[in-house]
Amino acid sequence: MESSEELRQVVTRFFEALRDGDEEAVRNRVSRQPGFERFGSDPEEVWHDGEAAARLWVQQMKELGGG
């Protein structure tokens, strides 16, 4: 597999947005495409909806002290 500079930049910006508390940037980097799935650390944590996952990321960011 080849590394992708574009993908690296997207992921880096996502982590920076979490760190900085940038809700809009976090939401903008969560897919809303059909087939999207987000898995958590618990086997029951699965989201098939990008909008729900975006809300979850923002909530977790706040709880972890992002921003």
N, C-alpha and C. Protein backbone atom coordinates (compact mmCIF):
# COMPACT_ATOMS: atom_id res chain seq x y z
N MET A 1 0.84 -1.16 0.00
CA MET A 1 0.00 0.00 0.00
C MET A 1 0.89 1.24 0.00
N GLU A 2 0.56 2.19 -0.86
CA GLU A 2 1.30 3.45 -0.91
C GLU A 2 0.72 4.43 0.08
N SER A 3 1.59 5.23 0.67
CA SER A 3 1.10 6.27 1.57
C SER A 3 0.45 7.38 0.73
N SER A 4 -0.50 8.06 1.35
CA SER A 4 -1.23 9.12 0.66
C SER A 4 -1.07 10.42 1.45
N GLU A 5 -0.44 11.39 0.84
CA GLU A 5 -0.27 12.69 1.49
C GLU A 5 -1.62 13.34 1.75
N GLU A 6 -2.55 13.20 0.82
CA GLU A 6 -3.88 13.79 0.99
C GLU A 6 -4.59 13.18 2.20
N LEU A 7 -4.55 11.87 2.32
CA LEU A 7 -5.18 11.20 3.45
C LEU A 7 -4.49 11.59 4.76
N ARG A 8 -3.17 11.67 4.74
CA ARG A 8 -2.44 12.07 5.94
C ARG A 8 -2.87 13.47 6.39
N GLN A 9 -3.06 14.37 5.46
CA GLN A 9 -3.48 15.73 5.80
C GLN A 9 -4.88 15.76 6.39
N VAL A 10 -5.80 14.97 5.84
CA VAL A 10 -7.17 14.91 6.36
C VAL A 10 -7.17 14.38 7.79
N VAL A 11 -6.44 13.29 8.01
CA VAL A 11 -6.40 12.69 9.35
C VAL A 11 -5.71 13.63 10.34
N THR A 12 -4.63 14.25 9.92
CA THR A 12 -3.94 15.21 10.79
C THR A 12 -4.87 16.35 11.17
N ARG A 13 -5.60 16.89 10.22
CA ARG A 13 -6.52 17.99 10.51
C ARG A 13 -7.65 17.53 11.42
N PHE A 14 -8.11 16.29 11.27
CA PHE A 14 -9.15 15.76 12.16
C PHE A 14 -8.65 15.74 13.60
N PHE A 15 -7.44 15.23 13.81
CA PHE A 15 -6.89 15.19 15.17
C PHE A 15 -6.63 16.59 15.71
N GLU A 16 -6.19 17.50 14.87
CA GLU A 16 -6.00 18.88 15.30
C GLU A 16 -7.33 19.51 15.70
N ALA A 17 -8.39 19.21 14.93
CA ALA A 17 -9.71 19.75 15.25
C ALA A 17 -10.20 19.21 16.59
N LEU A 18 -9.98 17.93 16.86
CA LEU A 18 -10.34 17.37 18.17
C LEU A 18 -9.57 18.07 19.28
N ARG A 19 -8.28 18.23 19.08
CA ARG A 19 -7.43 18.89 20.08
C ARG A 19 -7.87 20.33 20.33
N ASP A 20 -8.22 21.03 19.25
CA ASP A 20 -8.53 22.46 19.34
C ASP A 20 -9.98 22.75 19.69
N GLY A 21 -10.82 21.70 19.73
CA GLY A 21 -12.23 21.91 20.03
C GLY A 21 -13.00 22.52 18.87
N ASP A 22 -12.55 22.27 17.65
CA ASP A 22 -13.17 22.84 16.45
C ASP A 22 -14.30 21.92 15.98
N GLU A 23 -15.51 22.18 16.50
CA GLU A 23 -16.65 21.31 16.22
C GLU A 23 -16.95 21.21 14.73
N GLU A 24 -16.93 22.32 14.03
CA GLU A 24 -17.25 22.31 12.61
C GLU A 24 -16.26 21.45 11.82
N ALA A 25 -14.98 21.59 12.12
CA ALA A 25 -13.98 20.79 11.41
C ALA A 25 -14.12 19.31 11.71
N VAL A 26 -14.47 18.98 12.96
CA VAL A 26 -14.69 17.57 13.31
C VAL A 26 -15.88 17.04 12.51
N ARG A 27 -16.99 17.77 12.53
CA ARG A 27 -18.20 17.32 11.80
C ARG A 27 -17.93 17.17 10.31
N ASN A 28 -17.13 18.07 9.76
CA ASN A 28 -16.86 18.04 8.32
C ASN A 28 -15.98 16.88 7.89
N ARG A 29 -15.36 16.20 8.84
CA ARG A 29 -14.47 15.10 8.49
C ARG A 29 -15.04 13.73 8.82
N VAL A 30 -16.33 13.68 9.10
CA VAL A 30 -17.03 12.41 9.33
C VAL A 30 -17.91 12.14 8.12
N SER A 31 -17.75 10.99 7.52
CA SER A 31 -18.48 10.64 6.30
C SER A 31 -19.98 10.51 6.55
N ARG A 32 -20.75 10.96 5.59
CA ARG A 32 -22.20 10.74 5.56
C ARG A 32 -22.57 9.81 4.41
N GLN A 33 -21.57 9.17 3.81
CA GLN A 33 -21.80 8.30 2.66
C GLN A 33 -22.47 7.00 3.09
N PRO A 34 -23.32 6.44 2.21
CA PRO A 34 -23.93 5.13 2.50
C PRO A 34 -22.82 4.10 2.75
N GLY A 35 -23.03 3.26 3.73
CA GLY A 35 -22.04 2.25 4.07
C GLY A 35 -21.08 2.68 5.15
N PHE A 36 -21.18 3.94 5.58
CA PHE A 36 -20.33 4.43 6.66
C PHE A 36 -20.57 3.63 7.93
N GLU A 37 -19.51 3.27 8.62
CA GLU A 37 -19.62 2.65 9.94
C GLU A 37 -18.50 3.17 10.81
N ARG A 38 -18.83 3.44 12.06
CA ARG A 38 -17.83 3.85 13.04
C ARG A 38 -17.91 2.86 14.18
N PHE A 39 -16.77 2.33 14.57
CA PHE A 39 -16.71 1.33 15.62
C PHE A 39 -16.02 1.94 16.83
N GLY A 40 -16.59 1.70 18.02
CA GLY A 40 -16.00 2.17 19.25
C GLY A 40 -15.17 1.07 19.90
N SER A 41 -14.76 1.33 21.12
CA SER A 41 -13.93 0.36 21.84
C SER A 41 -14.75 -0.78 22.44
N ASP A 42 -16.04 -0.61 22.55
CA ASP A 42 -16.94 -1.64 23.06
C ASP A 42 -17.58 -2.34 21.87
N PRO A 43 -17.76 -3.67 21.92
CA PRO A 43 -18.36 -4.38 20.79
C PRO A 43 -19.75 -3.87 20.41
N GLU A 44 -20.44 -3.26 21.35
CA GLU A 44 -21.78 -2.74 21.07
C GLU A 44 -21.76 -1.34 20.46
N GLU A 45 -20.59 -0.72 20.42
CA GLU A 45 -20.46 0.63 19.89
C GLU A 45 -20.26 0.58 18.37
N VAL A 46 -21.35 0.69 17.65
CA VAL A 46 -21.30 0.72 16.19
C VAL A 46 -22.32 1.74 15.72
N TRP A 47 -21.89 2.66 14.87
CA TRP A 47 -22.79 3.66 14.31
C TRP A 47 -22.78 3.51 12.80
N HIS A 48 -23.97 3.40 12.24
CA HIS A 48 -24.11 3.25 10.79
C HIS A 48 -24.52 4.56 10.13
N ASP A 49 -24.66 5.57 10.93
CA ASP A 49 -25.14 6.87 10.45
C ASP A 49 -24.05 7.91 10.71
N GLY A 50 -23.60 8.56 9.66
CA GLY A 50 -22.54 9.55 9.79
C GLY A 50 -22.92 10.73 10.65
N GLU A 51 -24.17 11.15 10.59
CA GLU A 51 -24.61 12.30 11.38
C GLU A 51 -24.55 11.97 12.87
N ALA A 52 -25.00 10.78 13.24
CA ALA A 52 -24.93 10.36 14.65
C ALA A 52 -23.47 10.25 15.09
N ALA A 53 -22.62 9.73 14.24
CA ALA A 53 -21.21 9.60 14.58
C ALA A 53 -20.56 10.96 14.76
N ALA A 54 -20.92 11.93 13.91
CA ALA A 54 -20.37 13.28 14.04
C ALA A 54 -20.76 13.89 15.39
N ARG A 55 -22.03 13.72 15.78
CA ARG A 55 -22.47 14.22 17.09
C ARG A 55 -21.69 13.54 18.21
N LEU A 56 -21.46 12.25 18.07
CA LEU A 56 -20.72 11.51 19.08
C LEU A 56 -19.29 12.02 19.20
N TRP A 57 -18.61 12.24 18.06
CA TRP A 57 -17.24 12.74 18.09
C TRP A 57 -17.17 14.08 18.80
N VAL A 58 -18.13 14.96 18.51
CA VAL A 58 -18.14 16.28 19.14
C VAL A 58 -18.35 16.14 20.65
N GLN A 59 -19.28 15.28 21.05
CA GLN A 59 -19.52 15.06 22.48
C GLN A 59 -18.27 14.49 23.16
N GLN A 60 -17.65 13.51 22.55
CA GLN A 60 -16.44 12.93 23.14
C GLN A 60 -15.31 13.95 23.22
N MET A 61 -15.20 14.79 22.20
CA MET A 61 -14.18 15.83 22.19
C MET A 61 -14.38 16.75 23.40
N LYS A 62 -15.62 17.14 23.64
CA LYS A 62 -15.91 18.02 24.77
C LYS A 62 -15.60 17.33 26.10
N GLU A 63 -15.99 16.07 26.21
CA GLU A 63 -15.77 15.33 27.46
C GLU A 63 -14.28 15.11 27.74
N LEU A 64 -13.48 15.02 26.69
CA LEU A 64 -12.05 14.81 26.86
C LEU A 64 -11.28 16.13 26.98
N GLY A 65 -12.01 17.24 26.91
CA GLY A 65 -11.37 18.53 27.10
C GLY A 65 -10.78 19.15 25.85
N GLY A 66 -11.22 18.71 24.67
CA GLY A 66 -10.76 19.34 23.43
C GLY A 66 -11.08 20.82 23.45
N GLY A 67 -10.18 21.61 22.97
CA GLY A 67 -10.41 23.04 22.92
C GLY A 67 -10.12 23.68 24.24
